[in-house]
Amino acid sequence: MIKLAAAAVWICVVTLGAVFWSFQSAGARSDQAPPPPMLGGLDYVRTEMVSVPVLKDGRIDGYFLTRLVYTIEPAMLAKLSVPLDALLIDETYSYVFGNPGLDFVGHKSIDLDTYRKGLRERINGRIGAELIHEVMVEQVDFMSKDEIRDNAIRRRQGAGATAREMAKGFKNEGHH
């Protein structure tokens, strides 16, 4: 009977020691540096398509279209007191309007690294903390006024032809 009680106490001591050791080793691992930003721990916030008119000499030359993805720490996102979408869209508009270095009309491309870095710094500066870690471009386009007008004309012509074809098919089926 004493041997059975001693064995039970020994098993309890070994189990408690193993549990204590596992908690100690897990605590030691949490003291290590956090993983790099692209490996986890951040939320990814995707914006809707943002369309910013591009003004030159007091007239609209076209539209800058962009869809962005921002990486944000969840703890910082929870502290934010304004709607995130409104903040991101406002800063995108302000950055494109207020940055004369972004000349979409005369160039075939823009410097995306400068655009992303400038936008990230502007948002973080407005918040006063590092809210945005990375700005990723999902889509970026520039459509001139002429391209928009040509697309609208093609759509109207295509819609008109479709309506005529439907009316013709409706008459050919014997409906009057």
N, C-alpha and C. Protein backbone atom coordinates (compact mmCIF):
# COMPACT_ATOMS: atom_id res chain seq x y z
N MET A 1 0.82 -1.18 0.00
CA MET A 1 0.00 0.00 0.00
C MET A 1 0.87 1.25 0.00
N ILE A 2 1.97 1.23 0.77
CA ILE A 2 2.86 2.37 0.83
C ILE A 2 3.54 2.56 -0.53
N LYS A 3 3.87 1.43 -1.19
CA LYS A 3 4.50 1.52 -2.51
C LYS A 3 3.54 2.18 -3.51
N LEU A 4 2.26 1.85 -3.42
CA LEU A 4 1.26 2.42 -4.34
C LEU A 4 1.12 3.93 -4.10
N ALA A 5 1.10 4.35 -2.85
CA ALA A 5 0.99 5.77 -2.52
C ALA A 5 2.25 6.52 -2.96
N ALA A 6 3.41 5.93 -2.77
CA ALA A 6 4.67 6.56 -3.19
C ALA A 6 4.71 6.69 -4.71
N ALA A 7 4.22 5.70 -5.43
CA ALA A 7 4.18 5.75 -6.90
C ALA A 7 3.23 6.85 -7.37
N ALA A 8 2.10 7.00 -6.70
CA ALA A 8 1.12 8.04 -7.06
C ALA A 8 1.72 9.43 -6.83
N VAL A 9 2.42 9.61 -5.70
CA VAL A 9 3.06 10.90 -5.41
C VAL A 9 4.15 11.18 -6.44
N TRP A 10 4.93 10.14 -6.78
CA TRP A 10 6.01 10.30 -7.78
C TRP A 10 5.42 10.72 -9.14
N ILE A 11 4.33 10.12 -9.57
CA ILE A 11 3.68 10.46 -10.84
C ILE A 11 3.18 11.91 -10.81
N CYS A 12 2.61 12.33 -9.70
CA CYS A 12 2.13 13.72 -9.57
C CYS A 12 3.28 14.71 -9.65
N VAL A 13 4.39 14.42 -8.97
CA VAL A 13 5.55 15.31 -8.97
C VAL A 13 6.13 15.42 -10.38
N VAL A 14 6.26 14.30 -11.08
CA VAL A 14 6.81 14.30 -12.44
C VAL A 14 5.88 15.07 -13.38
N THR A 15 4.58 14.88 -13.25
CA THR A 15 3.60 15.58 -14.11
C THR A 15 3.65 17.08 -13.84
N LEU A 16 3.68 17.50 -12.58
CA LEU A 16 3.76 18.93 -12.26
C LEU A 16 5.07 19.53 -12.76
N GLY A 17 6.16 18.79 -12.65
CA GLY A 17 7.45 19.26 -13.15
C GLY A 17 7.43 19.45 -14.66
N ALA A 18 6.81 18.51 -15.37
CA ALA A 18 6.73 18.61 -16.83
C ALA A 18 5.88 19.80 -17.24
N VAL A 19 4.77 20.03 -16.54
CA VAL A 19 3.90 21.17 -16.85
C VAL A 19 4.64 22.48 -16.57
N PHE A 20 5.32 22.55 -15.43
CA PHE A 20 6.07 23.75 -15.08
C PHE A 20 7.16 24.03 -16.12
N TRP A 21 7.90 23.00 -16.51
CA TRP A 21 8.97 23.15 -17.50
C TRP A 21 8.41 23.61 -18.86
N SER A 22 7.26 23.07 -19.29
CA SER A 22 6.68 23.47 -20.58
C SER A 22 6.25 24.93 -20.57
N PHE A 23 5.69 25.40 -19.45
CA PHE A 23 5.31 26.81 -19.37
C PHE A 23 6.54 27.71 -19.37
N GLN A 24 7.60 27.29 -18.71
CA GLN A 24 8.84 28.08 -18.70
C GLN A 24 9.45 28.18 -20.09
N SER A 25 9.48 27.08 -20.81
CA SER A 25 10.08 27.10 -22.15
C SER A 25 9.21 27.87 -23.13
N ALA A 26 7.89 27.82 -22.96
CA ALA A 26 7.01 28.61 -23.83
C ALA A 26 7.18 30.10 -23.57
N GLY A 27 7.37 30.48 -22.32
CA GLY A 27 7.60 31.88 -21.97
C GLY A 27 8.91 32.39 -22.52
N ALA A 28 9.91 31.55 -22.57
CA ALA A 28 11.22 31.95 -23.11
C ALA A 28 11.11 32.21 -24.61
N ARG A 29 10.30 31.44 -25.31
CA ARG A 29 10.13 31.65 -26.75
C ARG A 29 9.39 32.95 -27.05
N SER A 30 8.47 33.38 -26.19
CA SER A 30 7.72 34.60 -26.46
C SER A 30 8.58 35.85 -26.29
N ASP A 31 9.75 35.72 -25.62
CA ASP A 31 10.65 36.86 -25.46
C ASP A 31 11.44 37.14 -26.73
N GLN A 32 11.36 36.25 -27.70
CA GLN A 32 12.09 36.45 -28.95
C GLN A 32 11.42 37.56 -29.75
N ALA A 33 12.16 38.06 -30.72
CA ALA A 33 11.63 39.14 -31.57
C ALA A 33 10.40 38.66 -32.34
N PRO A 34 9.43 39.55 -32.56
CA PRO A 34 8.24 39.15 -33.31
C PRO A 34 8.62 38.82 -34.76
N PRO A 35 7.78 38.03 -35.43
CA PRO A 35 8.10 37.67 -36.80
C PRO A 35 8.07 38.90 -37.71
N PRO A 36 8.78 38.86 -38.82
CA PRO A 36 8.75 39.99 -39.75
C PRO A 36 7.31 40.28 -40.20
N PRO A 37 7.02 41.55 -40.59
CA PRO A 37 5.65 41.96 -40.89
C PRO A 37 4.93 41.11 -41.93
N MET A 38 5.63 40.61 -42.93
CA MET A 38 4.95 39.86 -43.98
C MET A 38 4.69 38.40 -43.59
N LEU A 39 5.14 37.99 -42.40
CA LEU A 39 4.98 36.60 -41.99
C LEU A 39 3.85 36.39 -40.99
N GLY A 40 3.11 37.38 -40.68
CA GLY A 40 1.98 37.19 -39.80
C GLY A 40 1.85 38.31 -38.79
N GLY A 41 0.69 38.34 -38.13
CA GLY A 41 0.46 39.31 -37.09
C GLY A 41 -0.17 40.60 -37.58
N LEU A 42 -0.34 40.77 -38.88
CA LEU A 42 -0.93 41.99 -39.42
C LEU A 42 -2.24 41.68 -40.12
N ASP A 43 -3.15 42.63 -40.08
CA ASP A 43 -4.39 42.53 -40.85
C ASP A 43 -4.17 43.17 -42.21
N TYR A 44 -4.83 42.65 -43.21
CA TYR A 44 -4.75 43.20 -44.55
C TYR A 44 -6.09 43.84 -44.87
N VAL A 45 -6.07 45.13 -45.14
CA VAL A 45 -7.28 45.90 -45.41
C VAL A 45 -7.25 46.30 -46.87
N ARG A 46 -8.24 45.83 -47.62
CA ARG A 46 -8.33 46.10 -49.06
C ARG A 46 -9.36 47.20 -49.28
N THR A 47 -8.97 48.20 -50.07
CA THR A 47 -9.90 49.29 -50.36
C THR A 47 -10.73 48.96 -51.60
N GLU A 48 -11.82 49.66 -51.74
CA GLU A 48 -12.58 49.59 -52.98
C GLU A 48 -11.81 50.38 -54.03
N MET A 49 -12.26 50.36 -55.26
CA MET A 49 -11.63 51.14 -56.31
C MET A 49 -11.80 52.62 -55.98
N VAL A 50 -10.70 53.35 -55.98
CA VAL A 50 -10.71 54.79 -55.72
C VAL A 50 -10.42 55.49 -57.03
N SER A 51 -11.28 56.42 -57.41
CA SER A 51 -11.15 57.17 -58.65
C SER A 51 -10.92 58.64 -58.31
N VAL A 52 -9.73 59.14 -58.65
CA VAL A 52 -9.37 60.52 -58.33
C VAL A 52 -9.23 61.31 -59.63
N PRO A 53 -10.01 62.38 -59.81
CA PRO A 53 -9.84 63.20 -61.02
C PRO A 53 -8.48 63.90 -61.01
N VAL A 54 -7.84 63.92 -62.16
CA VAL A 54 -6.54 64.57 -62.28
C VAL A 54 -6.75 65.90 -62.98
N LEU A 55 -6.42 66.99 -62.27
CA LEU A 55 -6.62 68.34 -62.78
C LEU A 55 -5.31 68.88 -63.32
N LYS A 56 -5.40 69.56 -64.45
CA LYS A 56 -4.23 70.24 -65.00
C LYS A 56 -4.73 71.51 -65.69
N ASP A 57 -4.17 72.63 -65.32
CA ASP A 57 -4.55 73.93 -65.87
C ASP A 57 -6.04 74.20 -65.71
N GLY A 58 -6.60 73.79 -64.57
CA GLY A 58 -8.00 74.08 -64.27
C GLY A 58 -9.00 73.19 -64.97
N ARG A 59 -8.56 72.12 -65.62
CA ARG A 59 -9.51 71.21 -66.28
C ARG A 59 -9.16 69.77 -65.93
N ILE A 60 -10.13 68.90 -66.06
CA ILE A 60 -9.91 67.48 -65.78
C ILE A 60 -9.28 66.84 -67.00
N ASP A 61 -8.09 66.24 -66.81
CA ASP A 61 -7.40 65.55 -67.90
C ASP A 61 -7.69 64.07 -67.91
N GLY A 62 -8.16 63.54 -66.82
CA GLY A 62 -8.44 62.11 -66.74
C GLY A 62 -8.69 61.71 -65.29
N TYR A 63 -8.64 60.40 -65.07
CA TYR A 63 -8.89 59.87 -63.74
C TYR A 63 -7.83 58.85 -63.37
N PHE A 64 -7.31 58.99 -62.16
CA PHE A 64 -6.37 58.05 -61.58
C PHE A 64 -7.21 57.03 -60.83
N LEU A 65 -7.10 55.75 -61.21
CA LEU A 65 -7.87 54.68 -60.59
C LEU A 65 -6.92 53.77 -59.84
N THR A 66 -7.25 53.46 -58.60
CA THR A 66 -6.37 52.59 -57.82
C THR A 66 -7.17 51.76 -56.81
N ARG A 67 -6.66 50.57 -56.56
CA ARG A 67 -7.18 49.70 -55.50
C ARG A 67 -5.95 49.27 -54.71
N LEU A 68 -5.96 49.52 -53.40
CA LEU A 68 -4.79 49.29 -52.57
C LEU A 68 -5.09 48.30 -51.45
N VAL A 69 -4.03 47.69 -50.94
CA VAL A 69 -4.12 46.81 -49.78
C VAL A 69 -3.13 47.34 -48.75
N TYR A 70 -3.61 47.57 -47.54
CA TYR A 70 -2.79 48.11 -46.46
C TYR A 70 -2.57 47.02 -45.41
N THR A 71 -1.35 46.95 -44.85
CA THR A 71 -1.09 46.06 -43.72
C THR A 71 -1.10 46.90 -42.45
N ILE A 72 -1.90 46.43 -41.48
CA ILE A 72 -2.14 47.19 -40.25
C ILE A 72 -2.11 46.23 -39.07
N GLU A 73 -1.49 46.66 -37.95
CA GLU A 73 -1.52 45.85 -36.74
C GLU A 73 -2.93 45.86 -36.17
N PRO A 74 -3.47 44.69 -35.81
CA PRO A 74 -4.84 44.64 -35.27
C PRO A 74 -5.02 45.50 -34.02
N ALA A 75 -4.01 45.59 -33.16
CA ALA A 75 -4.14 46.40 -31.94
C ALA A 75 -4.30 47.88 -32.28
N MET A 76 -3.55 48.35 -33.27
CA MET A 76 -3.66 49.75 -33.69
C MET A 76 -5.01 49.99 -34.37
N LEU A 77 -5.46 49.04 -35.14
CA LEU A 77 -6.75 49.16 -35.83
C LEU A 77 -7.89 49.29 -34.81
N ALA A 78 -7.79 48.54 -33.71
CA ALA A 78 -8.83 48.60 -32.68
C ALA A 78 -8.86 49.95 -31.98
N LYS A 79 -7.72 50.63 -31.90
CA LYS A 79 -7.64 51.94 -31.23
C LYS A 79 -8.15 53.08 -32.10
N LEU A 80 -8.28 52.86 -33.39
CA LEU A 80 -8.66 53.92 -34.33
C LEU A 80 -10.08 54.38 -34.04
N SER A 81 -10.27 55.70 -33.93
CA SER A 81 -11.59 56.24 -33.59
C SER A 81 -12.36 56.75 -34.81
N VAL A 82 -11.75 56.74 -35.99
CA VAL A 82 -12.44 57.14 -37.21
C VAL A 82 -12.57 55.92 -38.11
N PRO A 83 -13.58 55.90 -38.99
CA PRO A 83 -13.71 54.76 -39.91
C PRO A 83 -12.47 54.66 -40.80
N LEU A 84 -11.90 53.48 -40.86
CA LEU A 84 -10.66 53.27 -41.59
C LEU A 84 -10.83 53.56 -43.08
N ASP A 85 -11.93 53.11 -43.68
CA ASP A 85 -12.16 53.36 -45.11
C ASP A 85 -12.15 54.85 -45.43
N ALA A 86 -12.82 55.63 -44.61
CA ALA A 86 -12.88 57.08 -44.84
C ALA A 86 -11.49 57.70 -44.75
N LEU A 87 -10.70 57.27 -43.79
CA LEU A 87 -9.34 57.78 -43.62
C LEU A 87 -8.47 57.43 -44.83
N LEU A 88 -8.51 56.18 -45.26
CA LEU A 88 -7.66 55.74 -46.37
C LEU A 88 -8.05 56.43 -47.67
N ILE A 89 -9.33 56.55 -47.94
CA ILE A 89 -9.77 57.20 -49.19
C ILE A 89 -9.44 58.69 -49.15
N ASP A 90 -9.66 59.34 -48.00
CA ASP A 90 -9.34 60.76 -47.88
C ASP A 90 -7.85 61.01 -48.12
N GLU A 91 -7.01 60.19 -47.53
CA GLU A 91 -5.57 60.38 -47.70
C GLU A 91 -5.12 60.05 -49.13
N THR A 92 -5.76 59.09 -49.77
CA THR A 92 -5.42 58.80 -51.17
C THR A 92 -5.75 60.00 -52.04
N TYR A 93 -6.95 60.56 -51.88
CA TYR A 93 -7.33 61.76 -52.62
C TYR A 93 -6.36 62.90 -52.35
N SER A 94 -6.11 63.17 -51.07
CA SER A 94 -5.25 64.28 -50.69
C SER A 94 -3.84 64.11 -51.23
N TYR A 95 -3.35 62.89 -51.20
CA TYR A 95 -1.98 62.63 -51.67
C TYR A 95 -1.88 62.85 -53.19
N VAL A 96 -2.86 62.35 -53.94
CA VAL A 96 -2.81 62.50 -55.40
C VAL A 96 -3.00 63.96 -55.79
N PHE A 97 -3.97 64.65 -55.16
CA PHE A 97 -4.19 66.07 -55.47
C PHE A 97 -3.02 66.94 -55.05
N GLY A 98 -2.46 66.65 -53.88
CA GLY A 98 -1.44 67.52 -53.32
C GLY A 98 -0.02 67.19 -53.73
N ASN A 99 0.17 66.24 -54.64
CA ASN A 99 1.51 65.85 -55.02
C ASN A 99 1.74 66.15 -56.50
N PRO A 100 2.33 67.30 -56.82
CA PRO A 100 2.52 67.66 -58.22
C PRO A 100 3.52 66.75 -58.94
N GLY A 101 4.28 65.94 -58.20
CA GLY A 101 5.22 65.02 -58.82
C GLY A 101 4.54 63.85 -59.50
N LEU A 102 3.28 63.62 -59.19
CA LEU A 102 2.53 62.55 -59.84
C LEU A 102 1.89 63.10 -61.11
N ASP A 103 2.62 63.05 -62.21
CA ASP A 103 2.12 63.55 -63.49
C ASP A 103 1.72 62.35 -64.33
N PHE A 104 0.41 62.07 -64.39
CA PHE A 104 -0.07 60.90 -65.10
C PHE A 104 -0.25 61.15 -66.58
N VAL A 105 -0.47 62.39 -66.95
CA VAL A 105 -0.81 62.72 -68.34
C VAL A 105 0.39 62.55 -69.27
N GLY A 106 1.54 63.07 -68.87
CA GLY A 106 2.68 63.06 -69.76
C GLY A 106 3.54 61.81 -69.70
N HIS A 107 3.27 60.91 -68.77
CA HIS A 107 4.12 59.75 -68.58
C HIS A 107 3.36 58.46 -68.83
N LYS A 108 4.09 57.44 -69.23
CA LYS A 108 3.49 56.13 -69.45
C LYS A 108 3.40 55.32 -68.15
N SER A 109 4.20 55.71 -67.14
CA SER A 109 4.17 54.98 -65.88
C SER A 109 4.50 55.94 -64.73
N ILE A 110 4.25 55.46 -63.51
CA ILE A 110 4.59 56.25 -62.33
C ILE A 110 5.53 55.41 -61.46
N ASP A 111 6.24 56.06 -60.56
CA ASP A 111 7.13 55.38 -59.63
C ASP A 111 6.29 54.85 -58.47
N LEU A 112 5.95 53.57 -58.53
CA LEU A 112 5.06 52.99 -57.51
C LEU A 112 5.70 52.96 -56.13
N ASP A 113 7.01 52.76 -56.05
CA ASP A 113 7.67 52.75 -54.74
C ASP A 113 7.53 54.10 -54.04
N THR A 114 7.73 55.18 -54.79
CA THR A 114 7.58 56.52 -54.23
C THR A 114 6.13 56.77 -53.83
N TYR A 115 5.19 56.33 -54.65
CA TYR A 115 3.77 56.49 -54.38
C TYR A 115 3.38 55.76 -53.09
N ARG A 116 3.78 54.49 -52.98
CA ARG A 116 3.45 53.70 -51.78
C ARG A 116 4.08 54.29 -50.53
N LYS A 117 5.35 54.64 -50.61
CA LYS A 117 6.06 55.19 -49.45
C LYS A 117 5.45 56.52 -49.02
N GLY A 118 5.18 57.39 -49.98
CA GLY A 118 4.59 58.69 -49.66
C GLY A 118 3.22 58.56 -49.03
N LEU A 119 2.41 57.66 -49.55
CA LEU A 119 1.07 57.46 -49.00
C LEU A 119 1.14 56.90 -47.58
N ARG A 120 2.02 55.92 -47.36
CA ARG A 120 2.19 55.33 -46.02
C ARG A 120 2.64 56.40 -45.02
N GLU A 121 3.64 57.21 -45.40
CA GLU A 121 4.14 58.25 -44.49
C GLU A 121 3.08 59.30 -44.20
N ARG A 122 2.29 59.62 -45.20
CA ARG A 122 1.24 60.64 -45.01
C ARG A 122 0.16 60.15 -44.04
N ILE A 123 -0.26 58.90 -44.19
CA ILE A 123 -1.29 58.36 -43.28
C ILE A 123 -0.74 58.25 -41.87
N ASN A 124 0.47 57.69 -41.74
CA ASN A 124 1.07 57.54 -40.41
C ASN A 124 1.32 58.90 -39.75
N GLY A 125 1.70 59.89 -40.55
CA GLY A 125 1.89 61.24 -40.02
C GLY A 125 0.60 61.84 -39.52
N ARG A 126 -0.48 61.60 -40.22
CA ARG A 126 -1.77 62.14 -39.81
C ARG A 126 -2.24 61.49 -38.51
N ILE A 127 -2.02 60.19 -38.37
CA ILE A 127 -2.43 59.47 -37.17
C ILE A 127 -1.50 59.79 -36.01
N GLY A 128 -0.22 59.97 -36.31
CA GLY A 128 0.76 60.22 -35.26
C GLY A 128 1.35 58.94 -34.69
N ALA A 129 1.18 57.84 -35.40
CA ALA A 129 1.73 56.55 -34.99
C ALA A 129 1.91 55.69 -36.24
N GLU A 130 2.61 54.58 -36.08
CA GLU A 130 2.80 53.70 -37.24
C GLU A 130 1.60 52.76 -37.38
N LEU A 131 0.56 53.26 -38.04
CA LEU A 131 -0.64 52.48 -38.30
C LEU A 131 -0.43 51.59 -39.51
N ILE A 132 0.07 52.16 -40.59
CA ILE A 132 0.26 51.44 -41.85
C ILE A 132 1.70 50.95 -41.92
N HIS A 133 1.86 49.65 -42.11
CA HIS A 133 3.21 49.09 -42.25
C HIS A 133 3.61 49.00 -43.72
N GLU A 134 2.68 48.66 -44.55
CA GLU A 134 2.99 48.46 -45.96
C GLU A 134 1.77 48.84 -46.79
N VAL A 135 2.02 49.42 -47.95
CA VAL A 135 0.97 49.71 -48.92
C VAL A 135 1.28 48.86 -50.15
N MET A 136 0.33 48.02 -50.51
CA MET A 136 0.50 47.17 -51.68
C MET A 136 -0.51 47.60 -52.74
N VAL A 137 -0.06 47.65 -53.97
CA VAL A 137 -0.91 48.08 -55.07
C VAL A 137 -1.53 46.85 -55.72
N GLU A 138 -2.85 46.77 -55.66
CA GLU A 138 -3.56 45.69 -56.34
C GLU A 138 -3.85 46.09 -57.79
N GLN A 139 -4.22 47.35 -57.98
CA GLN A 139 -4.51 47.83 -59.33
C GLN A 139 -4.25 49.32 -59.37
N VAL A 140 -3.66 49.78 -60.47
CA VAL A 140 -3.47 51.21 -60.67
C VAL A 140 -3.59 51.48 -62.17
N ASP A 141 -4.40 52.46 -62.53
CA ASP A 141 -4.64 52.83 -63.92
C ASP A 141 -4.80 54.33 -64.02
N PHE A 142 -4.59 54.83 -65.21
CA PHE A 142 -4.93 56.20 -65.52
C PHE A 142 -5.74 56.17 -66.81
N MET A 143 -6.90 56.79 -66.78
CA MET A 143 -7.74 56.88 -67.98
C MET A 143 -7.89 58.35 -68.33
N SER A 144 -7.48 58.68 -69.56
CA SER A 144 -7.64 60.06 -70.00
C SER A 144 -9.11 60.34 -70.30
N LYS A 145 -9.42 61.60 -70.42
CA LYS A 145 -10.79 62.00 -70.72
C LYS A 145 -11.23 61.41 -72.07
N ASP A 146 -10.31 61.38 -73.04
CA ASP A 146 -10.63 60.84 -74.36
C ASP A 146 -10.95 59.34 -74.28
N GLU A 147 -10.19 58.60 -73.49
CA GLU A 147 -10.45 57.16 -73.35
C GLU A 147 -11.81 56.91 -72.71
N ILE A 148 -12.17 57.70 -71.74
CA ILE A 148 -13.47 57.55 -71.08
C ILE A 148 -14.59 57.86 -72.06
N ARG A 149 -14.42 58.92 -72.84
CA ARG A 149 -15.43 59.29 -73.83
C ARG A 149 -15.58 58.19 -74.88
N ASP A 150 -14.46 57.64 -75.39
CA ASP A 150 -14.51 56.57 -76.39
C ASP A 150 -15.20 55.33 -75.84
N ASN A 151 -14.91 54.97 -74.59
CA ASN A 151 -15.56 53.81 -73.97
C ASN A 151 -17.06 54.03 -73.82
N ALA A 152 -17.46 55.23 -73.46
CA ALA A 152 -18.89 55.54 -73.30
C ALA A 152 -19.61 55.45 -74.64
N ILE A 153 -18.96 55.94 -75.70
CA ILE A 153 -19.58 55.87 -77.04
C ILE A 153 -19.73 54.42 -77.47
N ARG A 154 -18.69 53.62 -77.27
CA ARG A 154 -18.76 52.20 -77.64
C ARG A 154 -19.86 51.48 -76.87
N ARG A 155 -20.00 51.78 -75.59
CA ARG A 155 -21.06 51.14 -74.80
C ARG A 155 -22.43 51.51 -75.33
N ARG A 156 -22.62 52.80 -75.65
CA ARG A 156 -23.92 53.23 -76.16
C ARG A 156 -24.22 52.57 -77.49
N GLN A 157 -23.23 52.49 -78.35
CA GLN A 157 -23.44 51.86 -79.66
C GLN A 157 -23.73 50.38 -79.48
N GLY A 158 -23.01 49.72 -78.61
CA GLY A 158 -23.23 48.30 -78.35
C GLY A 158 -24.60 48.05 -77.75
N ALA A 159 -25.04 48.90 -76.84
CA ALA A 159 -26.36 48.76 -76.22
C ALA A 159 -27.46 49.01 -77.23
N GLY A 160 -27.25 49.98 -78.13
CA GLY A 160 -28.25 50.26 -79.16
C GLY A 160 -28.39 49.10 -80.12
N ALA A 161 -27.26 48.49 -80.54
CA ALA A 161 -27.31 47.35 -81.44
C ALA A 161 -27.99 46.17 -80.76
N THR A 162 -27.74 45.96 -79.52
CA THR A 162 -28.36 44.85 -78.79
C THR A 162 -29.86 45.05 -78.70
N ALA A 163 -30.30 46.27 -78.44
CA ALA A 163 -31.74 46.55 -78.35
C ALA A 163 -32.41 46.32 -79.71
N ARG A 164 -31.74 46.76 -80.81
CA ARG A 164 -32.30 46.53 -82.15
C ARG A 164 -32.39 45.05 -82.45
N GLU A 165 -31.35 44.29 -82.10
CA GLU A 165 -31.35 42.86 -82.36
C GLU A 165 -32.45 42.16 -81.57
N MET A 166 -32.67 42.58 -80.33
CA MET A 166 -33.72 41.98 -79.51
C MET A 166 -35.09 42.30 -80.11
N ALA A 167 -35.29 43.54 -80.56
CA ALA A 167 -36.57 43.92 -81.16
C ALA A 167 -36.79 43.13 -82.45
N LYS A 168 -35.76 42.97 -83.25
CA LYS A 168 -35.87 42.21 -84.50
C LYS A 168 -36.21 40.75 -84.20
N GLY A 169 -35.55 40.16 -83.22
CA GLY A 169 -35.83 38.78 -82.84
C GLY A 169 -37.23 38.63 -82.29
N PHE A 170 -37.71 39.62 -81.58
CA PHE A 170 -39.04 39.59 -81.01
C PHE A 170 -40.08 39.58 -82.13
N LYS A 171 -39.89 40.38 -83.20
CA LYS A 171 -40.81 40.42 -84.33
C LYS A 171 -40.76 39.13 -85.12
N ASN A 172 -39.57 38.55 -85.28
CA ASN A 172 -39.42 37.31 -86.07
C ASN A 172 -40.06 36.12 -85.40
N GLU A 173 -40.26 36.15 -84.10
CA GLU A 173 -40.89 35.04 -83.39
C GLU A 173 -42.40 35.06 -83.54
N GLY A 174 -42.93 36.03 -84.21
CA GLY A 174 -44.37 36.09 -84.45
C GLY A 174 -45.12 36.90 -83.44
N HIS A 175 -44.47 37.63 -82.58
CA HIS A 175 -45.13 38.52 -81.61
C HIS A 175 -45.35 39.87 -82.25
N HIS A 176 -46.52 40.42 -82.12
CA HIS A 176 -46.80 41.74 -82.72
C HIS A 176 -47.31 42.68 -81.70
